[in-house]
Amino acid sequence: MRLPRVDEPQRYQGLYVYDFGEWTALGYTAEEIAVLLEAEAYQGGKVYKIHRASPDGRMELRGVSRERFLFESGMFFYRSGLDAARADFATLHDAGQKTRPPCRAYLQLADRSASAGASRFVTALIYPAEHDDEIGRWLLETGFAGGDLAEGGVSHVSNYYGQEKTILDRQQLWSKHAIPSRSPEQVLANVRRAVQR
């Protein structure tokens, strides 16, 4: 795979490379990669995330499976008491307003009923699975340390959706849009451009 040369390679850290087979393009956002993976003509491509970029043009890439763009992941913070759970919810919501998360995320406070025992109340933070690393860093940066017990991952989202629960509060956290994604039409119209931005 040959990557195109770019000015200011560091600008592309955190973005994606798509290997179409016959050509390669770089500079996609996660949302734009999802568009390519859904387009029948480009489903066979390979996805790489740019983890590090050096001023001399070298880039460290990590392969990303297509499934990562199709699943949701989450962090779940359990409490036995409603007041503590409400405090977790409020703290995460406030953190999302002050320091926007790296991707769009849903925040829910749920009562799983008395049958759930000591972990009856849960504050759920659900987001696209591709952003696990970034959400982890964001939680560390905000200093959030909620829950008597915390769990996370794709399987926990499926379990959460399947549980009987009462949603007590919900909010959507909007990302910091450092690099806005283009419309699906724009993405598909520009697949032959080696450098997308």
N, C-alpha and C. Protein backbone atom coordinates (compact mmCIF):
# COMPACT_ATOMS: atom_id res chain seq x y z
N MET A 1 0.85 -1.17 0.00
CA MET A 1 0.00 0.00 0.00
C MET A 1 0.89 1.23 0.00
N ARG A 2 0.63 2.11 -0.93
CA ARG A 2 1.37 3.37 -1.00
C ARG A 2 0.49 4.52 -0.56
N LEU A 3 0.99 5.28 0.40
CA LEU A 3 0.25 6.44 0.88
C LEU A 3 0.69 7.68 0.12
N PRO A 4 -0.25 8.55 -0.18
CA PRO A 4 0.14 9.80 -0.83
C PRO A 4 0.91 10.70 0.14
N ARG A 5 1.80 11.52 -0.42
CA ARG A 5 2.53 12.49 0.40
C ARG A 5 1.58 13.62 0.78
N VAL A 6 1.72 14.10 2.00
CA VAL A 6 0.87 15.19 2.47
C VAL A 6 1.72 16.24 3.18
N ASP A 7 1.27 17.48 3.10
CA ASP A 7 1.86 18.55 3.89
C ASP A 7 1.29 18.42 5.30
N GLU A 8 2.08 18.73 6.29
CA GLU A 8 1.64 18.68 7.69
C GLU A 8 0.99 17.34 8.05
N PRO A 9 1.75 16.25 8.02
CA PRO A 9 1.19 14.93 8.31
C PRO A 9 0.49 14.83 9.67
N GLN A 10 0.94 15.61 10.64
CA GLN A 10 0.35 15.55 11.98
C GLN A 10 -1.14 15.91 11.96
N ARG A 11 -1.55 16.69 10.97
CA ARG A 11 -2.97 17.06 10.84
C ARG A 11 -3.86 15.84 10.64
N TYR A 12 -3.29 14.75 10.16
CA TYR A 12 -4.07 13.56 9.80
C TYR A 12 -4.13 12.52 10.92
N GLN A 13 -3.44 12.78 12.02
CA GLN A 13 -3.49 11.86 13.15
C GLN A 13 -4.92 11.75 13.65
N GLY A 14 -5.39 10.52 13.83
CA GLY A 14 -6.76 10.29 14.27
C GLY A 14 -7.74 10.09 13.12
N LEU A 15 -7.31 10.40 11.90
CA LEU A 15 -8.16 10.17 10.73
C LEU A 15 -7.85 8.79 10.15
N TYR A 16 -8.45 8.48 9.03
CA TYR A 16 -8.38 7.12 8.49
C TYR A 16 -7.86 7.09 7.06
N VAL A 17 -7.29 5.93 6.73
CA VAL A 17 -6.84 5.60 5.38
C VAL A 17 -7.77 4.49 4.89
N TYR A 18 -8.20 4.60 3.63
CA TYR A 18 -9.02 3.54 3.03
C TYR A 18 -8.26 2.98 1.85
N ASP A 19 -7.98 1.69 1.90
CA ASP A 19 -7.29 1.00 0.81
C ASP A 19 -8.36 0.38 -0.08
N PHE A 20 -8.57 0.99 -1.24
CA PHE A 20 -9.60 0.52 -2.17
C PHE A 20 -9.12 -0.70 -2.98
N GLY A 21 -7.86 -1.04 -2.87
CA GLY A 21 -7.28 -2.13 -3.65
C GLY A 21 -6.43 -1.58 -4.77
N GLU A 22 -7.03 -0.87 -5.69
CA GLU A 22 -6.30 -0.26 -6.82
C GLU A 22 -5.68 1.07 -6.44
N TRP A 23 -6.21 1.73 -5.45
CA TRP A 23 -5.68 3.01 -4.99
C TRP A 23 -5.98 3.17 -3.50
N THR A 24 -5.33 4.14 -2.90
CA THR A 24 -5.47 4.41 -1.48
C THR A 24 -5.78 5.89 -1.29
N ALA A 25 -6.64 6.19 -0.33
CA ALA A 25 -6.95 7.59 -0.01
C ALA A 25 -6.86 7.77 1.50
N LEU A 26 -6.41 8.94 1.92
CA LEU A 26 -6.31 9.20 3.35
C LEU A 26 -7.00 10.51 3.71
N GLY A 27 -7.35 10.60 4.99
CA GLY A 27 -7.98 11.81 5.49
C GLY A 27 -9.47 11.68 5.75
N TYR A 28 -9.96 10.46 5.89
CA TYR A 28 -11.38 10.24 6.16
C TYR A 28 -11.68 10.31 7.66
N THR A 29 -12.89 10.76 8.01
CA THR A 29 -13.37 10.67 9.39
C THR A 29 -14.03 9.30 9.56
N ALA A 30 -14.32 8.92 10.80
CA ALA A 30 -14.97 7.64 11.06
C ALA A 30 -16.33 7.56 10.38
N GLU A 31 -17.08 8.67 10.38
CA GLU A 31 -18.40 8.68 9.75
C GLU A 31 -18.28 8.49 8.23
N GLU A 32 -17.23 9.05 7.64
CA GLU A 32 -17.02 8.90 6.20
C GLU A 32 -16.61 7.47 5.85
N ILE A 33 -15.83 6.83 6.71
CA ILE A 33 -15.46 5.43 6.50
C ILE A 33 -16.72 4.57 6.53
N ALA A 34 -17.63 4.85 7.44
CA ALA A 34 -18.88 4.09 7.52
C ALA A 34 -19.65 4.20 6.21
N VAL A 35 -19.63 5.36 5.58
CA VAL A 35 -20.29 5.55 4.28
C VAL A 35 -19.66 4.62 3.24
N LEU A 36 -18.33 4.57 3.19
CA LEU A 36 -17.64 3.71 2.22
C LEU A 36 -17.94 2.23 2.47
N LEU A 37 -17.99 1.83 3.72
CA LEU A 37 -18.25 0.43 4.05
C LEU A 37 -19.67 0.01 3.70
N GLU A 38 -20.58 0.97 3.68
CA GLU A 38 -21.97 0.67 3.32
C GLU A 38 -22.19 0.71 1.82
N ALA A 39 -21.31 1.36 1.07
CA ALA A 39 -21.45 1.45 -0.39
C ALA A 39 -21.02 0.14 -1.03
N GLU A 40 -21.91 -0.48 -1.79
CA GLU A 40 -21.64 -1.79 -2.37
C GLU A 40 -20.36 -1.81 -3.19
N ALA A 41 -20.07 -0.75 -3.91
CA ALA A 41 -18.89 -0.71 -4.78
C ALA A 41 -17.57 -0.72 -4.01
N TYR A 42 -17.58 -0.33 -2.73
CA TYR A 42 -16.33 -0.18 -1.99
C TYR A 42 -16.26 -1.05 -0.74
N GLN A 43 -17.18 -1.97 -0.56
CA GLN A 43 -17.22 -2.79 0.65
C GLN A 43 -15.99 -3.65 0.87
N GLY A 44 -15.25 -3.97 -0.18
CA GLY A 44 -14.10 -4.84 -0.04
C GLY A 44 -12.83 -4.15 0.42
N GLY A 45 -12.89 -2.86 0.67
CA GLY A 45 -11.70 -2.11 1.06
C GLY A 45 -11.23 -2.42 2.46
N LYS A 46 -10.02 -1.97 2.77
CA LYS A 46 -9.44 -2.15 4.09
C LYS A 46 -9.28 -0.78 4.75
N VAL A 47 -9.49 -0.75 6.06
CA VAL A 47 -9.48 0.49 6.81
C VAL A 47 -8.30 0.50 7.78
N TYR A 48 -7.64 1.65 7.85
CA TYR A 48 -6.52 1.85 8.78
C TYR A 48 -6.72 3.19 9.47
N LYS A 49 -6.41 3.22 10.75
CA LYS A 49 -6.47 4.48 11.50
C LYS A 49 -5.05 5.01 11.63
N ILE A 50 -4.89 6.32 11.45
CA ILE A 50 -3.59 6.97 11.58
C ILE A 50 -3.40 7.30 13.06
N HIS A 51 -2.52 6.54 13.72
CA HIS A 51 -2.31 6.74 15.16
C HIS A 51 -1.24 7.77 15.45
N ARG A 52 -0.19 7.77 14.67
CA ARG A 52 0.87 8.77 14.84
C ARG A 52 1.32 9.21 13.47
N ALA A 53 1.71 10.46 13.40
CA ALA A 53 2.26 11.00 12.16
C ALA A 53 3.44 11.88 12.52
N SER A 54 4.54 11.69 11.82
CA SER A 54 5.76 12.45 12.07
C SER A 54 5.90 13.57 11.05
N PRO A 55 6.60 14.64 11.42
CA PRO A 55 6.81 15.75 10.48
C PRO A 55 7.50 15.31 9.18
N ASP A 56 8.28 14.21 9.26
CA ASP A 56 8.97 13.75 8.05
C ASP A 56 8.06 12.94 7.12
N GLY A 57 6.79 12.79 7.48
CA GLY A 57 5.83 12.11 6.61
C GLY A 57 5.53 10.68 6.99
N ARG A 58 6.27 10.11 7.94
CA ARG A 58 5.99 8.73 8.35
C ARG A 58 4.70 8.69 9.16
N MET A 59 3.92 7.63 8.94
CA MET A 59 2.66 7.46 9.66
C MET A 59 2.58 6.06 10.24
N GLU A 60 2.13 5.99 11.49
CA GLU A 60 1.88 4.71 12.13
C GLU A 60 0.40 4.41 11.96
N LEU A 61 0.10 3.28 11.31
CA LEU A 61 -1.28 2.91 11.02
C LEU A 61 -1.67 1.68 11.83
N ARG A 62 -2.95 1.57 12.15
CA ARG A 62 -3.49 0.37 12.79
C ARG A 62 -4.71 -0.07 12.01
N GLY A 63 -4.72 -1.34 11.60
CA GLY A 63 -5.87 -1.88 10.88
C GLY A 63 -7.10 -1.88 11.76
N VAL A 64 -8.25 -1.58 11.15
CA VAL A 64 -9.51 -1.53 11.87
C VAL A 64 -10.51 -2.43 11.14
N SER A 65 -11.14 -3.33 11.86
CA SER A 65 -12.12 -4.22 11.22
C SER A 65 -13.38 -3.44 10.89
N ARG A 66 -14.05 -3.87 9.85
CA ARG A 66 -15.29 -3.20 9.43
C ARG A 66 -16.35 -3.29 10.52
N GLU A 67 -16.31 -4.35 11.33
CA GLU A 67 -17.30 -4.52 12.39
C GLU A 67 -17.24 -3.39 13.41
N ARG A 68 -16.05 -2.83 13.63
CA ARG A 68 -15.91 -1.74 14.60
C ARG A 68 -16.78 -0.54 14.23
N PHE A 69 -17.08 -0.40 12.95
CA PHE A 69 -17.89 0.73 12.52
C PHE A 69 -19.39 0.42 12.57
N LEU A 70 -19.73 -0.83 12.81
CA LEU A 70 -21.13 -1.24 12.82
C LEU A 70 -21.69 -1.40 14.23
N PHE A 71 -20.81 -1.53 15.23
CA PHE A 71 -21.25 -1.80 16.59
C PHE A 71 -21.18 -0.57 17.47
N GLU A 72 -21.94 -0.66 18.56
CA GLU A 72 -21.83 0.34 19.62
C GLU A 72 -21.07 -0.28 20.78
N SER A 73 -20.36 0.55 21.49
CA SER A 73 -19.69 0.14 22.71
C SER A 73 -20.21 1.04 23.82
N GLY A 74 -19.81 0.76 25.04
CA GLY A 74 -20.30 1.60 26.13
C GLY A 74 -19.53 1.38 27.41
N MET A 75 -19.75 2.32 28.30
CA MET A 75 -19.25 2.24 29.67
C MET A 75 -20.47 2.32 30.57
N PHE A 76 -20.50 1.44 31.58
CA PHE A 76 -21.66 1.35 32.46
C PHE A 76 -21.18 1.48 33.90
N PHE A 77 -21.77 2.42 34.61
CA PHE A 77 -21.37 2.75 35.98
C PHE A 77 -22.56 2.44 36.90
N TYR A 78 -22.39 1.41 37.73
CA TYR A 78 -23.48 0.89 38.56
C TYR A 78 -23.41 1.45 39.97
N ARG A 79 -24.60 1.72 40.52
CA ARG A 79 -24.72 2.20 41.89
C ARG A 79 -25.90 1.51 42.56
N SER A 80 -25.82 1.36 43.87
CA SER A 80 -26.94 0.78 44.62
C SER A 80 -27.96 1.86 44.98
N GLY A 81 -27.51 3.11 45.09
CA GLY A 81 -28.41 4.20 45.47
C GLY A 81 -28.69 5.16 44.33
N LEU A 82 -29.92 5.64 44.29
CA LEU A 82 -30.33 6.55 43.22
C LEU A 82 -29.60 7.89 43.28
N ASP A 83 -29.38 8.43 44.47
CA ASP A 83 -28.71 9.72 44.58
C ASP A 83 -27.30 9.68 44.00
N ALA A 84 -26.56 8.62 44.31
CA ALA A 84 -25.20 8.47 43.78
C ALA A 84 -25.24 8.29 42.26
N ALA A 85 -26.22 7.54 41.76
CA ALA A 85 -26.35 7.34 40.31
C ALA A 85 -26.69 8.66 39.62
N ARG A 86 -27.59 9.43 40.23
CA ARG A 86 -27.92 10.75 39.65
C ARG A 86 -26.69 11.66 39.62
N ALA A 87 -25.87 11.57 40.65
CA ALA A 87 -24.64 12.38 40.69
C ALA A 87 -23.69 11.96 39.57
N ASP A 88 -23.56 10.64 39.33
CA ASP A 88 -22.73 10.17 38.22
C ASP A 88 -23.24 10.71 36.89
N PHE A 89 -24.54 10.60 36.70
CA PHE A 89 -25.16 11.08 35.46
C PHE A 89 -24.89 12.57 35.27
N ALA A 90 -25.13 13.36 36.32
CA ALA A 90 -24.93 14.81 36.24
C ALA A 90 -23.46 15.15 35.98
N THR A 91 -22.55 14.43 36.63
CA THR A 91 -21.12 14.69 36.45
C THR A 91 -20.70 14.41 35.00
N LEU A 92 -21.15 13.29 34.45
CA LEU A 92 -20.82 12.96 33.05
C LEU A 92 -21.45 13.95 32.08
N HIS A 93 -22.69 14.33 32.35
CA HIS A 93 -23.35 15.31 31.48
C HIS A 93 -22.61 16.64 31.50
N ASP A 94 -22.26 17.11 32.70
CA ASP A 94 -21.53 18.37 32.82
C ASP A 94 -20.16 18.28 32.13
N ALA A 95 -19.49 17.15 32.29
CA ALA A 95 -18.19 16.96 31.63
C ALA A 95 -18.34 17.04 30.12
N GLY A 96 -19.43 16.47 29.59
CA GLY A 96 -19.68 16.51 28.16
C GLY A 96 -20.01 17.90 27.64
N GLN A 97 -20.46 18.79 28.51
CA GLN A 97 -20.73 20.17 28.11
C GLN A 97 -19.46 21.01 28.16
N LYS A 98 -18.62 20.75 29.15
CA LYS A 98 -17.39 21.53 29.31
C LYS A 98 -16.30 21.10 28.34
N THR A 99 -16.10 19.79 28.24
CA THR A 99 -15.07 19.23 27.36
C THR A 99 -15.77 18.21 26.49
N ARG A 100 -16.15 18.61 25.32
CA ARG A 100 -16.95 17.72 24.46
C ARG A 100 -16.23 16.41 24.20
N PRO A 101 -16.99 15.32 24.18
CA PRO A 101 -16.36 14.01 23.93
C PRO A 101 -15.86 13.91 22.49
N PRO A 102 -15.03 12.91 22.21
CA PRO A 102 -14.45 12.78 20.87
C PRO A 102 -15.44 12.29 19.81
N CYS A 103 -16.62 11.84 20.23
CA CYS A 103 -17.64 11.39 19.27
C CYS A 103 -19.00 11.60 19.92
N ARG A 104 -20.03 11.50 19.11
CA ARG A 104 -21.39 11.59 19.63
C ARG A 104 -21.62 10.41 20.58
N ALA A 105 -22.29 10.67 21.70
CA ALA A 105 -22.54 9.61 22.68
C ALA A 105 -23.90 9.83 23.32
N TYR A 106 -24.50 8.73 23.77
CA TYR A 106 -25.78 8.78 24.47
C TYR A 106 -25.52 8.50 25.94
N LEU A 107 -26.16 9.27 26.78
CA LEU A 107 -26.03 9.12 28.22
C LEU A 107 -27.41 8.78 28.77
N GLN A 108 -27.50 7.69 29.53
CA GLN A 108 -28.78 7.29 30.11
C GLN A 108 -28.59 6.94 31.58
N LEU A 109 -29.62 7.26 32.37
CA LEU A 109 -29.70 6.84 33.76
C LEU A 109 -30.88 5.88 33.84
N ALA A 110 -30.64 4.65 34.29
CA ALA A 110 -31.69 3.65 34.29
C ALA A 110 -31.80 2.96 35.65
N ASP A 111 -33.04 2.57 35.95
CA ASP A 111 -33.35 1.77 37.14
C ASP A 111 -33.63 0.35 36.63
N ARG A 112 -32.79 -0.60 37.03
CA ARG A 112 -32.93 -1.97 36.56
C ARG A 112 -33.81 -2.80 37.51
N SER A 113 -34.48 -2.17 38.44
CA SER A 113 -35.40 -2.75 39.42
C SER A 113 -34.65 -3.44 40.56
N ALA A 114 -35.37 -3.70 41.62
CA ALA A 114 -34.78 -4.27 42.83
C ALA A 114 -34.14 -5.64 42.56
N SER A 115 -34.58 -6.33 41.51
CA SER A 115 -34.03 -7.66 41.23
C SER A 115 -32.56 -7.60 40.80
N ALA A 116 -32.07 -6.40 40.43
CA ALA A 116 -30.67 -6.25 40.03
C ALA A 116 -29.74 -6.20 41.24
N GLY A 117 -30.31 -6.13 42.44
CA GLY A 117 -29.50 -6.16 43.66
C GLY A 117 -28.72 -4.88 43.88
N ALA A 118 -27.46 -5.04 44.29
CA ALA A 118 -26.62 -3.91 44.68
C ALA A 118 -26.29 -2.99 43.52
N SER A 119 -26.47 -3.45 42.30
CA SER A 119 -26.16 -2.60 41.15
C SER A 119 -27.44 -2.22 40.41
N ARG A 120 -28.44 -1.81 41.17
CA ARG A 120 -29.77 -1.51 40.62
C ARG A 120 -29.76 -0.36 39.62
N PHE A 121 -29.03 0.70 39.92
CA PHE A 121 -29.04 1.89 39.07
C PHE A 121 -27.79 1.94 38.22
N VAL A 122 -27.94 2.34 36.97
CA VAL A 122 -26.79 2.38 36.06
C VAL A 122 -26.80 3.67 35.26
N THR A 123 -25.62 4.26 35.15
CA THR A 123 -25.40 5.37 34.23
C THR A 123 -24.67 4.77 33.04
N ALA A 124 -25.31 4.84 31.88
CA ALA A 124 -24.78 4.22 30.66
C ALA A 124 -24.29 5.30 29.70
N LEU A 125 -23.07 5.12 29.23
CA LEU A 125 -22.49 6.00 28.21
C LEU A 125 -22.27 5.12 26.98
N ILE A 126 -23.04 5.35 25.91
CA ILE A 126 -23.01 4.49 24.72
C ILE A 126 -22.56 5.32 23.52
N TYR A 127 -21.66 4.73 22.70
CA TYR A 127 -21.02 5.46 21.61
C TYR A 127 -20.57 4.47 20.53
N PRO A 128 -20.19 4.96 19.34
CA PRO A 128 -19.69 4.04 18.30
C PRO A 128 -18.43 3.32 18.78
N ALA A 129 -18.38 2.00 18.55
CA ALA A 129 -17.29 1.17 19.06
C ALA A 129 -15.92 1.62 18.58
N GLU A 130 -15.83 2.21 17.41
CA GLU A 130 -14.53 2.63 16.88
C GLU A 130 -13.85 3.66 17.79
N HIS A 131 -14.61 4.29 18.67
CA HIS A 131 -14.06 5.36 19.51
C HIS A 131 -13.75 4.91 20.94
N ASP A 132 -13.60 3.61 21.17
CA ASP A 132 -13.28 3.11 22.52
C ASP A 132 -12.07 3.80 23.13
N ASP A 133 -10.97 3.85 22.39
CA ASP A 133 -9.73 4.44 22.92
C ASP A 133 -9.92 5.92 23.25
N GLU A 134 -10.56 6.64 22.34
CA GLU A 134 -10.75 8.08 22.53
C GLU A 134 -11.67 8.38 23.72
N ILE A 135 -12.73 7.58 23.87
CA ILE A 135 -13.64 7.77 25.01
C ILE A 135 -12.90 7.48 26.32
N GLY A 136 -12.08 6.44 26.33
CA GLY A 136 -11.29 6.14 27.52
C GLY A 136 -10.39 7.29 27.92
N ARG A 137 -9.71 7.88 26.91
CA ARG A 137 -8.84 9.04 27.20
C ARG A 137 -9.67 10.22 27.69
N TRP A 138 -10.83 10.44 27.07
CA TRP A 138 -11.70 11.55 27.47
C TRP A 138 -12.15 11.38 28.92
N LEU A 139 -12.55 10.17 29.30
CA LEU A 139 -12.97 9.94 30.69
C LEU A 139 -11.83 10.20 31.66
N LEU A 140 -10.62 9.79 31.29
CA LEU A 140 -9.46 10.07 32.15
C LEU A 140 -9.20 11.57 32.25
N GLU A 141 -9.28 12.28 31.12
CA GLU A 141 -9.04 13.73 31.11
C GLU A 141 -10.06 14.47 31.95
N THR A 142 -11.32 14.02 31.94
CA THR A 142 -12.35 14.71 32.72
C THR A 142 -12.25 14.37 34.20
N GLY A 143 -11.51 13.30 34.53
CA GLY A 143 -11.37 12.90 35.93
C GLY A 143 -12.57 12.15 36.46
N PHE A 144 -13.45 11.68 35.59
CA PHE A 144 -14.65 10.97 36.05
C PHE A 144 -14.27 9.66 36.72
N ALA A 145 -14.83 9.42 37.91
CA ALA A 145 -14.56 8.19 38.64
C ALA A 145 -15.85 7.70 39.28
N GLY A 146 -16.87 7.50 38.47
CA GLY A 146 -18.18 7.11 38.99
C GLY A 146 -18.36 5.62 39.13
N GLY A 147 -19.46 5.28 39.77
CA GLY A 147 -19.86 3.90 39.91
C GLY A 147 -19.18 3.17 41.05
N ASP A 148 -19.95 2.29 41.71
CA ASP A 148 -19.36 1.36 42.66
C ASP A 148 -18.70 0.23 41.89
N LEU A 149 -19.23 -0.02 40.69
CA LEU A 149 -18.73 -1.03 39.77
C LEU A 149 -18.84 -0.43 38.38
N ALA A 150 -17.85 -0.65 37.54
CA ALA A 150 -17.87 -0.16 36.16
C ALA A 150 -17.54 -1.30 35.22
N GLU A 151 -18.25 -1.35 34.09
CA GLU A 151 -18.00 -2.33 33.04
C GLU A 151 -18.05 -1.61 31.71
N GLY A 152 -17.46 -2.24 30.70
CA GLY A 152 -17.50 -1.62 29.39
C GLY A 152 -17.29 -2.61 28.28
N GLY A 153 -17.69 -2.20 27.08
CA GLY A 153 -17.47 -3.02 25.90
C GLY A 153 -18.73 -3.23 25.09
N VAL A 154 -18.55 -3.84 23.94
CA VAL A 154 -19.65 -4.08 22.99
C VAL A 154 -20.68 -5.03 23.58
N SER A 155 -20.25 -6.11 24.19
CA SER A 155 -21.21 -7.10 24.72
C SER A 155 -22.07 -6.51 25.83
N HIS A 156 -21.52 -5.59 26.60
CA HIS A 156 -22.30 -4.97 27.67
C HIS A 156 -23.41 -4.09 27.12
N VAL A 157 -23.20 -3.51 25.95
CA VAL A 157 -24.26 -2.71 25.32
C VAL A 157 -25.43 -3.63 24.94
N SER A 158 -25.11 -4.77 24.33
CA SER A 158 -26.16 -5.73 23.96
C SER A 158 -26.92 -6.18 25.19
N ASN A 159 -26.20 -6.50 26.26
CA ASN A 159 -26.85 -6.92 27.51
C ASN A 159 -27.76 -5.82 28.05
N TYR A 160 -27.26 -4.59 28.02
CA TYR A 160 -28.03 -3.46 28.54
C TYR A 160 -29.32 -3.27 27.75
N TYR A 161 -29.23 -3.32 26.43
CA TYR A 161 -30.43 -3.16 25.61
C TYR A 161 -31.45 -4.25 25.88
N GLY A 162 -30.98 -5.46 26.22
CA GLY A 162 -31.88 -6.58 26.45
C GLY A 162 -32.50 -6.62 27.84
N GLN A 163 -32.01 -5.81 28.75
CA GLN A 163 -32.51 -5.83 30.13
C GLN A 163 -33.81 -5.05 30.27
N GLU A 164 -34.65 -5.51 31.21
CA GLU A 164 -35.81 -4.71 31.58
C GLU A 164 -35.33 -3.58 32.46
N LYS A 165 -35.76 -2.38 32.14
CA LYS A 165 -35.30 -1.22 32.90
C LYS A 165 -36.25 -0.06 32.67
N THR A 166 -36.17 0.91 33.54
CA THR A 166 -36.90 2.16 33.39
C THR A 166 -35.87 3.25 33.20
N ILE A 167 -35.96 3.97 32.09
CA ILE A 167 -35.03 5.08 31.83
C ILE A 167 -35.50 6.28 32.64
N LEU A 168 -34.66 6.75 33.54
CA LEU A 168 -35.01 7.87 34.41
C LEU A 168 -34.59 9.21 33.81
N ASP A 169 -33.53 9.19 33.02
CA ASP A 169 -33.06 10.42 32.38
C ASP A 169 -32.21 10.03 31.19
N ARG A 170 -32.15 10.88 30.19
CA ARG A 170 -31.31 10.63 29.02
C ARG A 170 -30.87 11.95 28.41
N GLN A 171 -29.67 11.95 27.88
CA GLN A 171 -29.11 13.12 27.21
C GLN A 171 -28.23 12.65 26.06
N GLN A 172 -28.09 13.49 25.07
CA GLN A 172 -27.12 13.20 24.02
C GLN A 172 -25.95 14.15 24.18
N LEU A 173 -24.75 13.60 24.10
CA LEU A 173 -23.53 14.40 24.17
C LEU A 173 -23.02 14.57 22.75
N TRP A 174 -22.75 15.78 22.37
CA TRP A 174 -22.29 16.07 21.01
C TRP A 174 -20.78 16.18 21.00
N SER A 175 -20.19 15.70 19.93
CA SER A 175 -18.73 15.70 19.83
C SER A 175 -18.20 17.09 19.53
N LYS A 176 -16.88 17.20 19.61
CA LYS A 176 -16.24 18.49 19.44
C LYS A 176 -16.01 18.89 17.99
N HIS A 177 -16.45 18.13 17.02
CA HIS A 177 -16.40 18.48 15.60
C HIS A 177 -15.13 19.20 15.17
N ALA A 178 -14.00 18.67 15.58
CA ALA A 178 -12.74 19.28 15.15
C ALA A 178 -12.64 19.21 13.63
N ILE A 179 -13.08 18.11 13.06
CA ILE A 179 -13.08 17.94 11.61
C ILE A 179 -14.47 17.45 11.23
N PRO A 180 -15.31 18.31 10.69
CA PRO A 180 -16.67 17.87 10.34
C PRO A 180 -16.65 16.87 9.19
N SER A 181 -17.55 15.89 9.27
CA SER A 181 -17.68 14.91 8.21
C SER A 181 -18.49 15.49 7.05
N ARG A 182 -18.18 15.00 5.86
CA ARG A 182 -18.91 15.41 4.67
C ARG A 182 -20.15 14.54 4.50
N SER A 183 -21.04 14.97 3.64
CA SER A 183 -22.25 14.19 3.37
C SER A 183 -21.86 12.92 2.62
N PRO A 184 -22.70 11.87 2.69
CA PRO A 184 -22.41 10.65 1.93
C PRO A 184 -22.20 10.91 0.44
N GLU A 185 -22.96 11.82 -0.12
CA GLU A 185 -22.81 12.15 -1.55
C GLU A 185 -21.43 12.72 -1.85
N GLN A 186 -20.95 13.60 -0.97
CA GLN A 186 -19.61 14.19 -1.16
C GLN A 186 -18.52 13.13 -1.01
N VAL A 187 -18.68 12.24 -0.05
CA VAL A 187 -17.68 11.18 0.16
C VAL A 187 -17.59 10.31 -1.09
N LEU A 188 -18.72 9.86 -1.59
CA LEU A 188 -18.73 8.95 -2.74
C LEU A 188 -18.28 9.65 -4.02
N ALA A 189 -18.53 10.94 -4.14
CA ALA A 189 -18.13 11.67 -5.34
C ALA A 189 -16.62 11.91 -5.40
N ASN A 190 -15.93 11.75 -4.26
CA ASN A 190 -14.51 12.08 -4.20
C ASN A 190 -13.60 10.89 -3.88
N VAL A 191 -14.05 9.67 -4.12
CA VAL A 191 -13.26 8.50 -3.72
C VAL A 191 -11.92 8.42 -4.45
N ARG A 192 -11.79 9.00 -5.62
CA ARG A 192 -10.53 8.92 -6.37
C ARG A 192 -9.49 9.94 -5.92
N ARG A 193 -9.88 10.86 -5.04
CA ARG A 193 -8.90 11.83 -4.52
C ARG A 193 -8.02 11.14 -3.49
N ALA A 194 -6.71 11.20 -3.69
CA ALA A 194 -5.77 10.53 -2.79
C ALA A 194 -5.76 11.17 -1.40
N VAL A 195 -5.90 12.48 -1.34
CA VAL A 195 -5.92 13.20 -0.07
C VAL A 195 -7.30 13.83 0.06
N GLN A 196 -8.04 13.37 1.04
CA GLN A 196 -9.45 13.76 1.16
C GLN A 196 -9.66 15.14 1.79
N ARG A 197 -8.68 15.63 2.52
CA ARG A 197 -8.82 16.98 3.12
C ARG A 197 -7.45 17.60 3.29
